C-alpha atoms as a PDB file:
ATOM      1  CA  UNK A   1      82.179 113.973 130.452  1.00  0.00           C
ATOM      2  CA  UNK A   2      78.946 113.216 128.597  1.00  0.00           C
ATOM      3  CA  UNK A   3      75.869 115.197 129.643  1.00  0.00           C
ATOM      4  CA  UNK A   4      73.371 112.852 131.342  1.00  0.00           C
ATOM      5  CA  UNK A   5      70.301 115.164 131.210  1.00  0.00           C
ATOM      6  CA  UNK A   6      70.240 115.387 127.331  1.00  0.00           C
ATOM      7  CA  UNK A   7      69.565 111.456 126.857  1.00  0.00           C
ATOM      8  CA  UNK A   8      71.196 109.312 124.394  1.00  0.00           C
ATOM      9  CA  UNK A   9      73.741 110.615 121.947  1.00  0.00           C
ATOM     10  CA  UNK A  10      72.784 109.673 118.303  1.00  0.00           C
ATOM     11  CA  UNK A  11      74.425 109.729 114.795  1.00  0.00           C
ATOM     12  CA  UNK A  12      71.987 110.083 112.002  1.00  0.00           C
ATOM     13  CA  UNK A  13      72.570 107.228 109.327  1.00  0.00           C
ATOM     14  CA  UNK A  14      70.870 109.742 106.932  1.00  0.00           C
ATOM     15  CA  UNK A  15      72.736 113.088 106.820  1.00  0.00           C
ATOM     16  CA  UNK A  16      75.218 112.044 109.701  1.00  0.00           C
ATOM     17  CA  UNK A  17      74.536 114.781 112.285  1.00  0.00           C
ATOM     18  CA  UNK A  18      75.463 114.264 115.555  1.00  0.00           C
ATOM     19  CA  UNK A  19      72.487 114.760 118.203  1.00  0.00           C
ATOM     20  CA  UNK A  20      70.827 113.845 121.655  1.00  0.00           C
ATOM     21  CA  UNK A  21      67.176 112.583 121.575  1.00  0.00           C
ATOM     22  CA  UNK A  22      66.352 114.981 124.950  1.00  0.00           C
ATOM     23  CA  UNK A  23      65.027 112.043 126.504  1.00  0.00           C
ATOM     24  CA  UNK A  24      62.218 111.533 124.025  1.00  0.00           C
ATOM     25  CA  UNK A  25      60.965 108.058 123.142  1.00  0.00           C
ATOM     26  CA  UNK A  26      61.380 108.788 119.107  1.00  0.00           C
ATOM     27  CA  UNK A  27      64.973 109.573 118.431  1.00  0.00           C
ATOM     28  CA  UNK A  28      64.340 111.797 115.234  1.00  0.00           C
ATOM     29  CA  UNK A  29      67.056 113.624 113.714  1.00  0.00           C
ATOM     30  CA  UNK A  30      66.431 117.422 114.163  1.00  0.00           C
ATOM     31  CA  UNK A  31      68.007 118.355 110.524  1.00  0.00           C
ATOM     32  CA  UNK A  32      66.486 115.853 108.172  1.00  0.00           C
ATOM     33  CA  UNK A  33      63.599 114.578 110.321  1.00  0.00           C
ATOM     34  CA  UNK A  34      64.793 110.561 109.739  1.00  0.00           C
ATOM     35  CA  UNK A  35      63.504 108.351 112.790  1.00  0.00           C
ATOM     36  CA  UNK A  36      66.743 106.553 113.683  1.00  0.00           C
ATOM     37  CA  UNK A  37      64.931 103.425 114.417  1.00  0.00           C
ATOM     38  CA  UNK A  38      64.261 102.976 110.827  1.00  0.00           C
ATOM     39  CA  UNK A  39      68.003 102.458 110.283  1.00  0.00           C
ATOM     40  CA  UNK A  40      68.848  99.959 107.690  1.00  0.00           C
ATOM     41  CA  UNK A  41      70.638  96.775 109.391  1.00  0.00           C
ATOM     42  CA  UNK A  42      74.370  96.482 108.281  1.00  0.00           C
ATOM     43  CA  UNK A  43      75.083  93.210 105.842  1.00  0.00           C
ATOM     44  CA  UNK A  44      76.682  90.524 108.208  1.00  0.00           C
ATOM     45  CA  UNK A  45      80.143  90.100 106.852  1.00  0.00           C
ATOM     46  CA  UNK A  46      81.439  86.644 105.891  1.00  0.00           C
ATOM     47  CA  UNK A  47      83.415  84.933 108.099  1.00  0.00           C
ATOM     48  CA  UNK A  48      87.087  84.346 107.004  1.00  0.00           C
ATOM     49  CA  UNK A  49      89.162  81.213 107.620  1.00  0.00           C
ATOM     50  CA  UNK A  50      92.417  81.418 109.212  1.00  0.00           C
ATOM     51  CA  UNK A  51      94.223  80.948 105.273  1.00  0.00           C
ATOM     52  CA  UNK A  52      91.998  84.076 104.307  1.00  0.00           C
ATOM     53  CA  UNK A  53      93.860  86.136 106.983  1.00  0.00           C
ATOM     54  CA  UNK A  54      97.406  85.347 105.760  1.00  0.00           C
ATOM     55  CA  UNK A  55      98.602  87.637 102.606  1.00  0.00           C
ATOM     56  CA  UNK A  56      99.190  85.936  99.451  1.00  0.00           C
ATOM     57  CA  UNK A  57     102.777  87.171  97.819  1.00  0.00           C
ATOM     58  CA  UNK A  58     102.469  87.581  94.194  1.00  0.00           C
ATOM     59  CA  UNK A  59     105.989  87.678  92.438  1.00  0.00           C
ATOM     60  CA  UNK A  60     105.786  90.076  89.442  1.00  0.00           C
ATOM     61  CA  UNK A  61     106.728  88.211  86.151  1.00  0.00           C
ATOM     62  CA  UNK A  62     109.985  88.998  84.567  1.00  0.00           C
ATOM     63  CA  UNK A  63     109.187  91.684  81.557  1.00  0.00           C
ATOM     64  CA  UNK A  64     110.768  90.546  78.075  1.00  0.00           C
ATOM     65  CA  UNK A  65     112.542  93.197  76.360  1.00  0.00           C
ATOM     66  CA  UNK A  66     110.974  93.428  72.886  1.00  0.00           C
ATOM     67  CA  UNK A  67     113.141  92.505  69.898  1.00  0.00           C
ATOM     68  CA  UNK A  68     115.050  95.591  68.599  1.00  0.00           C
ATOM     69  CA  UNK A  69     114.636  96.338  64.743  1.00  0.00           C
ATOM     70  CA  UNK A  70     118.551  95.386  64.198  1.00  0.00           C
ATOM     71  CA  UNK A  71     117.964  91.640  65.841  1.00  0.00           C
ATOM     72  CA  UNK A  72     115.072  91.377  63.527  1.00  0.00           C
ATOM     73  CA  UNK A  73     117.053  92.072  60.584  1.00  0.00           C
ATOM     74  CA  UNK A  74     120.013  89.794  61.709  1.00  0.00           C
ATOM     75  CA  UNK A  75     117.271  87.098  62.166  1.00  0.00           C
ATOM     76  CA  UNK A  76     115.928  87.660  58.940  1.00  0.00           C
ATOM     77  CA  UNK A  77     119.335  87.347  56.920  1.00  0.00           C
ATOM     78  CA  UNK A  78     120.428  84.407  59.253  1.00  0.00           C
ATOM     79  CA  UNK A  79     117.633  82.603  57.771  1.00  0.00           C
ATOM     80  CA  UNK A  80     118.461  83.502  54.074  1.00  0.00           C
ATOM     81  CA  UNK A  81     121.808  82.047  54.948  1.00  0.00           C
ATOM     82  CA  UNK A  82     120.772  78.640  56.145  1.00  0.00           C
ATOM     83  CA  UNK A  83     118.284  78.365  52.935  1.00  0.00           C
ATOM     84  CA  UNK A  84     121.379  79.057  50.709  1.00  0.00           C
ATOM     85  CA  UNK A  85     123.853  76.548  52.278  1.00  0.00           C
ATOM     86  CA  UNK A  86     120.703  73.977  52.465  1.00  0.00           C
ATOM     87  CA  UNK A  87     119.842  74.359  48.818  1.00  0.00           C
ATOM     88  CA  UNK A  88     123.929  73.750  47.997  1.00  0.00           C
ATOM     89  CA  UNK A  89     124.048  70.390  49.786  1.00  0.00           C
ATOM     90  CA  UNK A  90     122.773  67.391  48.147  1.00  0.00           C
ATOM     91  CA  UNK A  91     119.954  65.442  49.727  1.00  0.00           C
ATOM     92  CA  UNK A  92     120.233  61.913  50.760  1.00  0.00           C
ATOM     93  CA  UNK A  93     116.999  60.871  49.711  1.00  0.00           C
ATOM     94  CA  UNK A  94     117.941  61.402  46.111  1.00  0.00           C
ATOM     95  CA  UNK A  95     120.479  58.547  46.018  1.00  0.00           C
END
């Protein structure tokens, strides 16, 4: 039950001390001496629309496994085989 004879309860905006103003006209913090009427005004939050309240689901992209060294060697040797076969066949442009 709040004590009615101590005045209004305040929480200092500067140091966080809780205190009663003892029914004095100036609510001054007993710890740091800051006048509570000088409290900075909180910034107004922008209004959010209906769509902003819905959470967005982001699906993770599948990770591509890096090619192993053996796969790279097989690809290199495969490329060499094509070159040798292609050079063995006559080209149609020469005819």
